[in-house]
């Protein structure tokens, strides 16, 4: 997975790291169609209440297209 480096809106020279929802989904659920991988990721998150609660606690929104490092690490912990 390739993390995208971006400056945070808070400034102060901090960098934030993001990965696209599609890239993470394709990495976790390989499929010839990326849309199928993304749908599988969403079904998987929705089907696990403990994972969904952990993600919401750190700022996950269902329509988010870019995941920060904390969200990615949380998802990987539940695999």
C-alpha atoms as a PDB file:
ATOM      1  CA  UNK A   1       0.000   0.000   0.000  1.00  0.00           C
ATOM      2  CA  UNK A   2       1.208   3.440  -0.829  1.00  0.00           C
ATOM      3  CA  UNK A   3       0.506   6.064   1.745  1.00  0.00           C
ATOM      4  CA  UNK A   4      -0.051   9.592   0.434  1.00  0.00           C
ATOM      5  CA  UNK A   5       1.720  12.225   2.462  1.00  0.00           C
ATOM      6  CA  UNK A   6      -0.163  15.495   3.022  1.00  0.00           C
ATOM      7  CA  UNK A   7       0.200  18.442   5.326  1.00  0.00           C
ATOM      8  CA  UNK A   8      -2.463  18.585   7.968  1.00  0.00           C
ATOM      9  CA  UNK A   9      -4.892  21.478   7.979  1.00  0.00           C
ATOM     10  CA  UNK A  10      -3.724  22.339  11.480  1.00  0.00           C
ATOM     11  CA  UNK A  11      -0.383  23.281   9.960  1.00  0.00           C
ATOM     12  CA  UNK A  12       2.549  23.287  12.360  1.00  0.00           C
ATOM     13  CA  UNK A  13       4.582  21.343   9.798  1.00  0.00           C
ATOM     14  CA  UNK A  14       2.916  18.039  10.635  1.00  0.00           C
ATOM     15  CA  UNK A  15       2.357  15.472   7.925  1.00  0.00           C
ATOM     16  CA  UNK A  16      -0.563  13.075   7.759  1.00  0.00           C
ATOM     17  CA  UNK A  17      -0.535   9.789   5.886  1.00  0.00           C
ATOM     18  CA  UNK A  18      -3.546   8.552   3.927  1.00  0.00           C
ATOM     19  CA  UNK A  19      -4.427   5.523   1.808  1.00  0.00           C
ATOM     20  CA  UNK A  20      -7.380   5.406  -0.557  1.00  0.00           C
ATOM     21  CA  UNK A  21     -10.384   3.290   0.308  1.00  0.00           C
ATOM     22  CA  UNK A  22     -10.073   1.487  -3.028  1.00  0.00           C
ATOM     23  CA  UNK A  23      -6.395   0.656  -2.566  1.00  0.00           C
ATOM     24  CA  UNK A  24      -6.977  -0.733   0.922  1.00  0.00           C
ATOM     25  CA  UNK A  25     -10.002  -2.739  -0.246  1.00  0.00           C
ATOM     26  CA  UNK A  26      -8.068  -4.223  -3.191  1.00  0.00           C
ATOM     27  CA  UNK A  27      -5.189  -5.079  -0.862  1.00  0.00           C
ATOM     28  CA  UNK A  28      -7.462  -6.856   1.643  1.00  0.00           C
ATOM     29  CA  UNK A  29      -9.982  -8.381  -0.782  1.00  0.00           C
ATOM     30  CA  UNK A  30      -8.318  -8.990  -4.167  1.00  0.00           C
ATOM     31  CA  UNK A  31     -10.805  -9.035  -7.013  1.00  0.00           C
ATOM     32  CA  UNK A  32     -10.716  -8.259 -10.748  1.00  0.00           C
ATOM     33  CA  UNK A  33     -13.258  -5.483 -10.103  1.00  0.00           C
ATOM     34  CA  UNK A  34     -12.195  -2.805  -7.568  1.00  0.00           C
ATOM     35  CA  UNK A  35     -15.858  -1.897  -6.941  1.00  0.00           C
ATOM     36  CA  UNK A  36     -16.449  -5.431  -5.675  1.00  0.00           C
ATOM     37  CA  UNK A  37     -13.465  -5.120  -3.329  1.00  0.00           C
ATOM     38  CA  UNK A  38     -14.788  -1.826  -1.911  1.00  0.00           C
ATOM     39  CA  UNK A  39     -18.279  -3.302  -1.469  1.00  0.00           C
ATOM     40  CA  UNK A  40     -16.787  -6.296   0.343  1.00  0.00           C
ATOM     41  CA  UNK A  41     -14.830  -3.987   2.663  1.00  0.00           C
ATOM     42  CA  UNK A  42     -18.002  -2.041   3.504  1.00  0.00           C
ATOM     43  CA  UNK A  43     -19.989  -5.242   4.130  1.00  0.00           C
ATOM     44  CA  UNK A  44     -17.197  -6.536   6.319  1.00  0.00           C
ATOM     45  CA  UNK A  45     -17.083  -3.321   8.392  1.00  0.00           C
ATOM     46  CA  UNK A  46     -20.887  -3.186   8.686  1.00  0.00           C
ATOM     47  CA  UNK A  47     -21.016  -6.844   9.707  1.00  0.00           C
ATOM     48  CA  UNK A  48     -18.654  -6.459  12.653  1.00  0.00           C
ATOM     49  CA  UNK A  49     -20.156  -4.184  15.340  1.00  0.00           C
ATOM     50  CA  UNK A  50     -16.962  -4.141  17.400  1.00  0.00           C
ATOM     51  CA  UNK A  51     -14.873  -3.029  14.412  1.00  0.00           C
ATOM     52  CA  UNK A  52     -17.478  -0.444  13.396  1.00  0.00           C
ATOM     53  CA  UNK A  53     -17.537   0.986  16.925  1.00  0.00           C
ATOM     54  CA  UNK A  54     -13.726   1.156  17.081  1.00  0.00           C
ATOM     55  CA  UNK A  55     -13.588   2.917  13.725  1.00  0.00           C
ATOM     56  CA  UNK A  56     -16.298   5.437  14.622  1.00  0.00           C
ATOM     57  CA  UNK A  57     -14.434   6.247  17.836  1.00  0.00           C
ATOM     58  CA  UNK A  58     -11.392   7.367  15.804  1.00  0.00           C
ATOM     59  CA  UNK A  59     -13.342   9.335  13.209  1.00  0.00           C
ATOM     60  CA  UNK A  60     -14.367   6.884  10.492  1.00  0.00           C
ATOM     61  CA  UNK A  61     -17.324   7.920   8.337  1.00  0.00           C
ATOM     62  CA  UNK A  62     -18.937   5.376   5.943  1.00  0.00           C
ATOM     63  CA  UNK A  63     -18.444   7.619   2.878  1.00  0.00           C
ATOM     64  CA  UNK A  64     -14.786   8.400   3.592  1.00  0.00           C
ATOM     65  CA  UNK A  65     -12.585   7.957   0.514  1.00  0.00           C
ATOM     66  CA  UNK A  66      -9.225   8.399   2.235  1.00  0.00           C
ATOM     67  CA  UNK A  67      -8.244   6.524   5.378  1.00  0.00           C
ATOM     68  CA  UNK A  68      -5.642   7.815   7.787  1.00  0.00           C
ATOM     69  CA  UNK A  69      -3.049   5.576   9.376  1.00  0.00           C
ATOM     70  CA  UNK A  70      -5.075   4.982  12.560  1.00  0.00           C
ATOM     71  CA  UNK A  71      -8.086   3.735  10.587  1.00  0.00           C
ATOM     72  CA  UNK A  72      -5.938   1.413   8.466  1.00  0.00           C
ATOM     73  CA  UNK A  73      -4.189   0.005  11.536  1.00  0.00           C
ATOM     74  CA  UNK A  74      -7.532  -0.582  13.261  1.00  0.00           C
ATOM     75  CA  UNK A  75      -8.908  -2.457  10.249  1.00  0.00           C
ATOM     76  CA  UNK A  76      -5.748  -4.563  10.004  1.00  0.00           C
ATOM     77  CA  UNK A  77      -5.976  -5.453  13.710  1.00  0.00           C
ATOM     78  CA  UNK A  78      -9.424  -6.951  13.152  1.00  0.00           C
ATOM     79  CA  UNK A  79      -8.378  -9.160  10.233  1.00  0.00           C
END
